[in-house]
Amino acid sequence: MILFELFFCFLQIGLFSVGGGYVAIPLIQNQVVHLHGWLTEAEFLDLATIAEMTPGPIAINGATFMGIKIAGLPGAVVATLGCILPSLVIVSVLAYVYRKFRGLPVLQSVLSSLRPAVVALIGAAGLNMLLQIAFGGRNSIALPNARWAEIALFAAAFFGLRKFKPSPILIIALCGAAGLALGLFGIF
């Protein structure tokens, strides 16, 4: 029964995550944490971080990792299939339609009107993750609850990315090393 629930959960996510993997993060979080209670906020954040760091699309990696956590290897298979099936069907149909009608102005206006919604969904996902990291949850934004080491690490990574424009892989590696060092000193 859990495998069917997992498949249909990620089928919905795959169907409604228009704009890429970062748009899927709040949808996945809502399904696996809030609606079904399969993962805690902390477990979700850990798995989302791992899904982002590993090669491949974040939504598919997230589906695979969360499927493993929830129902083992069969869970990973059904969650991944549920996540990619809508895209497979929709992209096949859209490729045909786009090739046939790509010169129409109506099609171009529809595509351009989707961009702001995608940006808003990505921003919401980023803000939710930032609040989870900085304050331990979305509903507890209070200075005494602030995790200053995480906030400083985020600020340094953000500044470094904006100012020096290094490879994101380098920033991930440096943050991982800093997290390890801070963990060894008992700060994290």
Foldseek 3Di string as FASTA:
>chain_A
DVLVVLLQLLLVLLQPQPQFQLLSLVSNCCRCPPPVNQDHPVVSLVQLVVLVLDDDGSSLSSQQVSLCSRPRNSRSVSSNCSNCVNVVVVVVVVVVVCVVPVVDPVVVVVVVVCVVVSVVSSVVSVVQSVCCQQQVGDPGPDVVRGLVVSVVLVVVLVCCCVPVVDPVNVSVVVSVVVVVVCVVVVSD
